[in-house]
Amino acid sequence: MSDTEVQGSVLRLPMVYGPGDPLHRFFPLLKRFADGRSSILLPDDFASWRGPRGYVENVAHAIALAATSEQAAGRIYNICEEPSLSELEWQTRITKQMNWPGKFVVLPRERTPKHLLLPINTAQHVVASSERICAELGYEVWSKLTKRYGESSLGSSETRQAPSIRSSLITILKMRLSPTRLDSERFSLEKARRRRTRTNAYNMLGSSGVVRHSFEISSSGEGMKRGKNN
């Protein structure tokens, strides 16, 4: 950020969901739907935890704006959908897209099966605002572009009957239900879980290769380099 020859910007990226997500964030929930579960258990601290999320095309749009705008030089921007939904609210949105008829059962943490507990500090919410990048660079989250493009993200209250999102979720589920794919998914999820335990809380929020790379650059103090050094 202090380099006099190369302009830089810092983008604080959220948990990114959508096509190409290497962590397959939706899969554990979709698998439970496919198994015909009538209920899904959540520990109470995780159910109420709030963190920033962003649809992959929103995040790409924000990166493109910052990379091509001179006004972004030397600035730090948060990228996320607003409001930041609790985990229970977020998963409920997904169930409505999939027309799942079951219910969530929220349990005290001490009564929750250990394999359902996640290694994160749920006492600390991560709530951010994209107000600065919206005001300075004209960034718009996908939910505000619904009427323009005919699509929207799960973060929008207007998406409960969005067939395009539901079709995408069904496609993701069908692609991953073969025994070979399920074994691969279990390995990937366990590998990701072990990796998260070795990272700090915010680095854990990165989700795609692009996002993690951008955060590593930002955390080094160099920001996002552009031009010949991009």
C-alpha atoms as a PDB file:
ATOM      1  CA  MET A   1       0.000   0.000   0.000  1.00  0.00           C
ATOM      2  CA  SER A   2       2.932   2.334   0.597  1.00  0.00           C
ATOM      3  CA  ASP A   3       4.696   1.455  -2.673  1.00  0.00           C
ATOM      4  CA  THR A   4       5.230   4.664  -4.639  1.00  0.00           C
ATOM      5  CA  GLU A   5       5.548   2.866  -7.984  1.00  0.00           C
ATOM      6  CA  VAL A   6       2.767   0.287  -7.835  1.00  0.00           C
ATOM      7  CA  GLN A   7      -0.721   1.311  -6.752  1.00  0.00           C
ATOM      8  CA  GLY A   8      -2.550  -1.136  -4.530  1.00  0.00           C
ATOM      9  CA  SER A   9      -5.991  -1.802  -3.083  1.00  0.00           C
ATOM     10  CA  VAL A  10      -7.067  -4.162  -0.308  1.00  0.00           C
ATOM     11  CA  LEU A  11     -10.268  -6.169  -0.669  1.00  0.00           C
ATOM     12  CA  ARG A  12     -11.552  -7.969   2.406  1.00  0.00           C
ATOM     13  CA  LEU A  13     -13.389 -10.873   0.823  1.00  0.00           C
ATOM     14  CA  PRO A  14     -16.211 -12.943   2.342  1.00  0.00           C
ATOM     15  CA  MET A  15     -17.062 -16.632   2.271  1.00  0.00           C
ATOM     16  CA  VAL A  16     -17.655 -17.066  -1.450  1.00  0.00           C
ATOM     17  CA  TYR A  17     -20.386 -19.394  -2.704  1.00  0.00           C
ATOM     18  CA  GLY A  18     -21.488 -20.356  -6.192  1.00  0.00           C
ATOM     19  CA  PRO A  19     -20.041 -22.213  -9.200  1.00  0.00           C
ATOM     20  CA  GLY A  20     -16.458 -23.384  -8.788  1.00  0.00           C
ATOM     21  CA  ASP A  21     -16.449 -23.370  -4.971  1.00  0.00           C
ATOM     22  CA  PRO A  22     -13.642 -25.836  -4.085  1.00  0.00           C
ATOM     23  CA  LEU A  23     -14.984 -26.268  -0.540  1.00  0.00           C
ATOM     24  CA  HIS A  24     -18.439 -27.336  -1.816  1.00  0.00           C
ATOM     25  CA  ARG A  25     -20.132 -25.356   0.940  1.00  0.00           C
ATOM     26  CA  PHE A  26     -23.649 -26.463  -0.011  1.00  0.00           C
ATOM     27  CA  PHE A  27     -22.926 -30.168  -0.322  1.00  0.00           C
ATOM     28  CA  PRO A  28     -23.243 -31.295   3.336  1.00  0.00           C
ATOM     29  CA  LEU A  29     -26.699 -29.689   3.516  1.00  0.00           C
ATOM     30  CA  LEU A  30     -27.819 -30.943   0.103  1.00  0.00           C
ATOM     31  CA  LYS A  31     -26.685 -34.462   0.967  1.00  0.00           C
ATOM     32  CA  ARG A  32     -28.961 -34.445   3.997  1.00  0.00           C
ATOM     33  CA  PHE A  33     -31.865 -33.409   1.766  1.00  0.00           C
ATOM     34  CA  ALA A  34     -31.077 -36.264  -0.623  1.00  0.00           C
ATOM     35  CA  ASP A  35     -30.914 -38.715   2.292  1.00  0.00           C
ATOM     36  CA  GLY A  36     -34.481 -37.817   3.179  1.00  0.00           C
ATOM     37  CA  ARG A  37     -33.664 -36.360   6.582  1.00  0.00           C
ATOM     38  CA  SER A  38     -36.731 -35.024   8.370  1.00  0.00           C
ATOM     39  CA  SER A  39     -34.613 -32.793  10.602  1.00  0.00           C
ATOM     40  CA  ILE A  40     -31.130 -31.288  10.707  1.00  0.00           C
ATOM     41  CA  LEU A  41     -29.257 -30.620  13.946  1.00  0.00           C
ATOM     42  CA  LEU A  42     -27.377 -27.376  14.596  1.00  0.00           C
ATOM     43  CA  PRO A  43     -25.510 -26.317  17.741  1.00  0.00           C
ATOM     44  CA  ASP A  44     -27.043 -23.142  19.115  1.00  0.00           C
ATOM     45  CA  ASP A  45     -23.831 -21.102  18.995  1.00  0.00           C
ATOM     46  CA  PHE A  46     -23.251 -21.944  15.331  1.00  0.00           C
ATOM     47  CA  ALA A  47     -26.915 -21.424  14.415  1.00  0.00           C
ATOM     48  CA  SER A  48     -26.735 -17.817  15.630  1.00  0.00           C
ATOM     49  CA  TRP A  49     -23.258 -17.059  14.248  1.00  0.00           C
ATOM     50  CA  ARG A  50     -23.096 -14.345  11.586  1.00  0.00           C
ATOM     51  CA  GLY A  51     -20.417 -14.074   8.940  1.00  0.00           C
ATOM     52  CA  PRO A  52     -19.950 -12.324   5.582  1.00  0.00           C
ATOM     53  CA  ARG A  53     -20.945 -14.141   2.397  1.00  0.00           C
ATOM     54  CA  GLY A  54     -20.755 -13.270  -1.260  1.00  0.00           C
ATOM     55  CA  TYR A  55     -21.895 -14.802  -4.520  1.00  0.00           C
ATOM     56  CA  VAL A  56     -18.892 -15.538  -6.740  1.00  0.00           C
ATOM     57  CA  GLU A  57     -19.982 -13.176  -9.533  1.00  0.00           C
ATOM     58  CA  ASN A  58     -20.481 -10.353  -7.040  1.00  0.00           C
ATOM     59  CA  VAL A  59     -16.985 -10.887  -5.700  1.00  0.00           C
ATOM     60  CA  ALA A  60     -15.501 -11.025  -9.193  1.00  0.00           C
ATOM     61  CA  HIS A  61     -17.322  -7.790 -10.045  1.00  0.00           C
ATOM     62  CA  ALA A  62     -15.871  -6.086  -6.967  1.00  0.00           C
ATOM     63  CA  ILE A  63     -12.338  -7.255  -7.792  1.00  0.00           C
ATOM     64  CA  ALA A  64     -12.695  -6.023 -11.380  1.00  0.00           C
ATOM     65  CA  LEU A  65     -13.918  -2.610 -10.209  1.00  0.00           C
ATOM     66  CA  ALA A  66     -11.033  -2.189  -7.787  1.00  0.00           C
ATOM     67  CA  ALA A  67      -8.464  -3.405 -10.303  1.00  0.00           C
ATOM     68  CA  THR A  68      -9.591  -0.993 -13.024  1.00  0.00           C
ATOM     69  CA  SER A  69     -10.465   2.114 -11.010  1.00  0.00           C
ATOM     70  CA  GLU A  70      -7.875   4.748 -10.202  1.00  0.00           C
ATOM     71  CA  GLN A  71     -10.099   5.875  -7.343  1.00  0.00           C
ATOM     72  CA  ALA A  72      -9.500   2.522  -5.614  1.00  0.00           C
ATOM     73  CA  ALA A  73      -5.765   3.143  -5.243  1.00  0.00           C
ATOM     74  CA  GLY A  74      -4.737   3.079  -1.601  1.00  0.00           C
ATOM     75  CA  ARG A  75      -8.234   2.174  -0.407  1.00  0.00           C
ATOM     76  CA  ILE A  76      -9.495  -0.756   1.669  1.00  0.00           C
ATOM     77  CA  TYR A  77     -12.893  -2.264   0.863  1.00  0.00           C
ATOM     78  CA  ASN A  78     -15.131  -4.886   2.483  1.00  0.00           C
ATOM     79  CA  ILE A  79     -17.032  -7.123   0.073  1.00  0.00           C
ATOM     80  CA  CYS A  80     -20.140  -8.894   1.342  1.00  0.00           C
ATOM     81  CA  GLU A  81     -23.882  -9.231   1.078  1.00  0.00           C
ATOM     82  CA  GLU A  82     -25.996  -7.342   3.550  1.00  0.00           C
ATOM     83  CA  PRO A  83     -27.401  -8.006   6.002  1.00  0.00           C
ATOM     84  CA  SER A  84     -25.066 -10.723   7.266  1.00  0.00           C
ATOM     85  CA  LEU A  85     -27.382 -13.655   7.898  1.00  0.00           C
ATOM     86  CA  SER A  86     -27.028 -16.040  10.797  1.00  0.00           C
ATOM     87  CA  GLU A  87     -26.114 -19.598   9.867  1.00  0.00           C
ATOM     88  CA  LEU A  88     -29.644 -20.730  10.636  1.00  0.00           C
ATOM     89  CA  GLU A  89     -31.130 -17.997   8.437  1.00  0.00           C
ATOM     90  CA  TRP A  90     -28.689 -18.852   5.655  1.00  0.00           C
ATOM     91  CA  GLN A  91     -29.442 -22.568   5.708  1.00  0.00           C
ATOM     92  CA  THR A  92     -33.165 -21.819   5.871  1.00  0.00           C
ATOM     93  CA  ARG A  93     -32.844 -19.829   2.632  1.00  0.00           C
ATOM     94  CA  ILE A  94     -31.265 -22.840   0.971  1.00  0.00           C
ATOM     95  CA  THR A  95     -34.007 -25.182   2.199  1.00  0.00           C
ATOM     96  CA  LYS A  96     -36.647 -22.903   0.714  1.00  0.00           C
ATOM     97  CA  GLN A  97     -34.899 -23.012  -2.646  1.00  0.00           C
ATOM     98  CA  MET A  98     -34.905 -26.809  -2.486  1.00  0.00           C
ATOM     99  CA  ASN A  99     -38.462 -27.109  -1.101  1.00  0.00           C
ATOM    100  CA  TRP A 100     -37.178 -29.280   1.736  1.00  0.00           C
ATOM    101  CA  PRO A 101     -40.110 -30.107   4.057  1.00  0.00           C
ATOM    102  CA  GLY A 102     -38.037 -30.844   7.175  1.00  0.00           C
ATOM    103  CA  LYS A 103     -37.054 -28.680  10.103  1.00  0.00           C
ATOM    104  CA  PHE A 104     -33.944 -27.507  11.902  1.00  0.00           C
ATOM    105  CA  VAL A 105     -33.405 -28.579  15.495  1.00  0.00           C
ATOM    106  CA  VAL A 106     -31.157 -26.200  17.435  1.00  0.00           C
ATOM    107  CA  LEU A 107     -29.428 -27.867  20.386  1.00  0.00           C
ATOM    108  CA  PRO A 108     -27.262 -26.532  23.191  1.00  0.00           C
ATOM    109  CA  ARG A 109     -23.635 -26.991  22.236  1.00  0.00           C
ATOM    110  CA  GLU A 110     -23.004 -29.465  25.056  1.00  0.00           C
ATOM    111  CA  ARG A 111     -25.809 -31.707  23.757  1.00  0.00           C
ATOM    112  CA  THR A 112     -24.731 -31.579  20.107  1.00  0.00           C
ATOM    113  CA  PRO A 113     -22.924 -34.631  18.656  1.00  0.00           C
ATOM    114  CA  LYS A 114     -19.215 -33.891  18.509  1.00  0.00           C
ATOM    115  CA  HIS A 115     -18.919 -34.543  14.769  1.00  0.00           C
ATOM    116  CA  LEU A 116     -21.283 -31.609  14.160  1.00  0.00           C
ATOM    117  CA  LEU A 117     -19.161 -29.106  16.100  1.00  0.00           C
ATOM    118  CA  LEU A 118     -16.955 -26.834  14.013  1.00  0.00           C
ATOM    119  CA  PRO A 119     -13.522 -25.503  15.082  1.00  0.00           C
ATOM    120  CA  ILE A 120     -14.451 -21.814  14.932  1.00  0.00           C
ATOM    121  CA  ASN A 121     -14.978 -19.132  17.550  1.00  0.00           C
ATOM    122  CA  THR A 122     -18.741 -18.657  17.309  1.00  0.00           C
ATOM    123  CA  ALA A 123     -18.674 -16.102  20.127  1.00  0.00           C
ATOM    124  CA  GLN A 124     -17.174 -13.623  17.681  1.00  0.00           C
ATOM    125  CA  HIS A 125     -19.416 -12.615  14.804  1.00  0.00           C
ATOM    126  CA  VAL A 126     -17.843 -11.239  11.627  1.00  0.00           C
ATOM    127  CA  VAL A 127     -20.183  -8.539  10.332  1.00  0.00           C
ATOM    128  CA  ALA A 128     -19.009  -6.129   7.648  1.00  0.00           C
ATOM    129  CA  SER A 129     -20.423  -3.527   5.266  1.00  0.00           C
ATOM    130  CA  SER A 130     -19.840  -2.933   1.552  1.00  0.00           C
ATOM    131  CA  GLU A 131     -20.995   0.678   1.883  1.00  0.00           C
ATOM    132  CA  ARG A 132     -17.616   2.180   0.948  1.00  0.00           C
ATOM    133  CA  ILE A 133     -17.106   0.314  -2.325  1.00  0.00           C
ATOM    134  CA  CYS A 134     -20.736   0.946  -3.277  1.00  0.00           C
ATOM    135  CA  ALA A 135     -20.363   4.683  -2.684  1.00  0.00           C
ATOM    136  CA  GLU A 136     -16.915   5.139  -4.218  1.00  0.00           C
ATOM    137  CA  LEU A 137     -16.840   2.650  -7.103  1.00  0.00           C
ATOM    138  CA  GLY A 138     -20.533   2.113  -7.846  1.00  0.00           C
ATOM    139  CA  TYR A 139     -20.481  -1.527  -6.769  1.00  0.00           C
ATOM    140  CA  GLU A 140     -23.864  -3.273  -6.628  1.00  0.00           C
ATOM    141  CA  VAL A 141     -24.553  -6.619  -5.033  1.00  0.00           C
ATOM    142  CA  TRP A 142     -26.392  -9.177  -7.140  1.00  0.00           C
ATOM    143  CA  SER A 143     -29.665  -8.840  -5.211  1.00  0.00           C
ATOM    144  CA  LYS A 144     -29.908  -5.227  -6.385  1.00  0.00           C
ATOM    145  CA  LEU A 145     -29.303  -6.338  -9.973  1.00  0.00           C
ATOM    146  CA  THR A 146     -32.143  -8.889  -9.946  1.00  0.00           C
ATOM    147  CA  LYS A 147     -34.502  -6.919 -12.154  1.00  0.00           C
ATOM    148  CA  ARG A 148     -31.714  -6.045 -14.558  1.00  0.00           C
ATOM    149  CA  TYR A 149     -30.390  -9.549 -15.118  1.00  0.00           C
ATOM    150  CA  GLY A 150     -33.257 -11.772 -14.060  1.00  0.00           C
ATOM    151  CA  GLU A 151     -31.174 -13.655 -11.499  1.00  0.00           C
ATOM    152  CA  SER A 152     -30.172 -13.156  -7.899  1.00  0.00           C
ATOM    153  CA  SER A 153     -28.115 -14.537  -5.061  1.00  0.00           C
ATOM    154  CA  LEU A 154     -29.310 -16.488  -2.050  1.00  0.00           C
ATOM    155  CA  GLY A 155     -28.544 -13.385  -0.023  1.00  0.00           C
ATOM    156  CA  SER A 156     -31.518 -11.590  -1.533  1.00  0.00           C
ATOM    157  CA  SER A 157     -34.967 -11.743   0.038  1.00  0.00           C
ATOM    158  CA  GLU A 158     -36.326 -11.771  -3.528  1.00  0.00           C
ATOM    159  CA  THR A 159     -34.884 -15.184  -4.379  1.00  0.00           C
ATOM    160  CA  ARG A 160     -37.141 -17.614  -2.549  1.00  0.00           C
ATOM    161  CA  GLN A 161     -38.753 -18.870  -5.770  1.00  0.00           C
ATOM    162  CA  ALA A 162     -35.765 -18.345  -8.070  1.00  0.00           C
ATOM    163  CA  PRO A 163     -35.756 -21.448 -10.332  1.00  0.00           C
ATOM    164  CA  SER A 164     -32.258 -20.787 -11.662  1.00  0.00           C
ATOM    165  CA  ILE A 165     -30.713 -21.072  -8.183  1.00  0.00           C
ATOM    166  CA  ARG A 166     -32.743 -24.186  -7.327  1.00  0.00           C
ATOM    167  CA  SER A 167     -31.762 -25.848 -10.597  1.00  0.00           C
ATOM    168  CA  SER A 168     -28.115 -25.106  -9.878  1.00  0.00           C
ATOM    169  CA  LEU A 169     -28.356 -26.665  -6.420  1.00  0.00           C
ATOM    170  CA  ILE A 170     -30.033 -29.791  -7.810  1.00  0.00           C
ATOM    171  CA  THR A 171     -27.334 -30.097 -10.471  1.00  0.00           C
ATOM    172  CA  ILE A 172     -24.604 -29.811  -7.827  1.00  0.00           C
ATOM    173  CA  LEU A 173     -26.300 -32.529  -5.775  1.00  0.00           C
ATOM    174  CA  LYS A 174     -26.747 -34.956  -8.694  1.00  0.00           C
ATOM    175  CA  MET A 175     -23.128 -34.544  -9.736  1.00  0.00           C
ATOM    176  CA  ARG A 176     -21.930 -35.619  -6.298  1.00  0.00           C
ATOM    177  CA  LEU A 177     -24.137 -38.564  -5.340  1.00  0.00           C
ATOM    178  CA  SER A 178     -22.138 -41.424  -6.921  1.00  0.00           C
ATOM    179  CA  PRO A 179     -20.150 -43.547  -4.397  1.00  0.00           C
ATOM    180  CA  THR A 180     -16.860 -42.469  -5.937  1.00  0.00           C
ATOM    181  CA  ARG A 181     -17.789 -38.803  -5.729  1.00  0.00           C
ATOM    182  CA  LEU A 182     -19.089 -39.170  -2.181  1.00  0.00           C
ATOM    183  CA  ASP A 183     -15.788 -40.685  -1.065  1.00  0.00           C
ATOM    184  CA  SER A 184     -13.973 -37.842  -2.794  1.00  0.00           C
ATOM    185  CA  GLU A 185     -16.259 -35.287  -1.137  1.00  0.00           C
ATOM    186  CA  ARG A 186     -15.693 -36.762   2.313  1.00  0.00           C
ATOM    187  CA  PHE A 187     -11.950 -36.602   1.762  1.00  0.00           C
ATOM    188  CA  SER A 188     -12.156 -33.013   0.489  1.00  0.00           C
ATOM    189  CA  LEU A 189     -14.330 -31.894   3.409  1.00  0.00           C
ATOM    190  CA  GLU A 190     -12.057 -33.546   5.971  1.00  0.00           C
ATOM    191  CA  LYS A 191      -8.999 -32.055   4.293  1.00  0.00           C
ATOM    192  CA  ALA A 192     -10.610 -28.613   4.313  1.00  0.00           C
ATOM    193  CA  ARG A 193     -11.600 -29.052   7.962  1.00  0.00           C
ATOM    194  CA  ARG A 194      -8.026 -29.888   8.964  1.00  0.00           C
ATOM    195  CA  ARG A 195      -6.730 -26.934   6.976  1.00  0.00           C
ATOM    196  CA  ARG A 196      -9.155 -24.549   8.668  1.00  0.00           C
ATOM    197  CA  THR A 197      -7.967 -25.592  12.111  1.00  0.00           C
ATOM    198  CA  ARG A 198      -4.486 -24.405  11.179  1.00  0.00           C
ATOM    199  CA  THR A 199      -5.559 -20.982   9.955  1.00  0.00           C
ATOM    200  CA  ASN A 200      -6.758 -17.880  11.747  1.00  0.00           C
ATOM    201  CA  ALA A 201     -10.449 -17.072  11.934  1.00  0.00           C
ATOM    202  CA  TYR A 202     -10.599 -14.585   9.083  1.00  0.00           C
ATOM    203  CA  ASN A 203      -8.342 -16.526   6.717  1.00  0.00           C
ATOM    204  CA  MET A 204     -10.797 -19.360   7.171  1.00  0.00           C
ATOM    205  CA  LEU A 205     -13.462 -17.207   5.542  1.00  0.00           C
ATOM    206  CA  GLY A 206     -11.753 -17.367   2.150  1.00  0.00           C
ATOM    207  CA  SER A 207     -13.370 -19.893  -0.156  1.00  0.00           C
ATOM    208  CA  SER A 208     -11.981 -19.956  -3.699  1.00  0.00           C
ATOM    209  CA  GLY A 209      -8.448 -19.923  -4.968  1.00  0.00           C
ATOM    210  CA  VAL A 210      -8.895 -16.351  -6.147  1.00  0.00           C
ATOM    211  CA  VAL A 211     -10.210 -15.282  -2.771  1.00  0.00           C
ATOM    212  CA  ARG A 212      -7.444 -16.920  -0.747  1.00  0.00           C
ATOM    213  CA  HIS A 213      -4.778 -15.522  -3.025  1.00  0.00           C
ATOM    214  CA  SER A 214      -6.222 -12.022  -2.759  1.00  0.00           C
ATOM    215  CA  PHE A 215      -6.393 -12.226   1.021  1.00  0.00           C
ATOM    216  CA  GLU A 216      -2.799 -13.417   1.286  1.00  0.00           C
ATOM    217  CA  ILE A 217      -1.677 -10.475  -0.787  1.00  0.00           C
ATOM    218  CA  SER A 218      -3.765  -8.087   1.322  1.00  0.00           C
ATOM    219  CA  SER A 219      -2.522  -9.466   4.633  1.00  0.00           C
ATOM    220  CA  SER A 220       1.077  -8.947   3.564  1.00  0.00           C
ATOM    221  CA  GLY A 221       0.446  -5.224   3.387  1.00  0.00           C
ATOM    222  CA  GLU A 222       1.072  -5.014  -0.346  1.00  0.00           C
ATOM    223  CA  GLY A 223      -2.575  -4.814  -1.334  1.00  0.00           C
ATOM    224  CA  MET A 224      -3.745  -5.909  -4.749  1.00  0.00           C
ATOM    225  CA  LYS A 225      -1.129  -5.033  -7.344  1.00  0.00           C
ATOM    226  CA  ARG A 226      -2.151  -3.889 -10.749  1.00  0.00           C
ATOM    227  CA  GLY A 227      -0.568  -3.010 -14.098  1.00  0.00           C
ATOM    228  CA  LYS A 228       2.613  -4.883 -15.034  1.00  0.00           C
ATOM    229  CA  ASN A 229       2.889  -6.393 -11.552  1.00  0.00           C
ATOM    230  CA  ASN A 230      -0.697  -7.651 -11.431  1.00  0.00           C
END
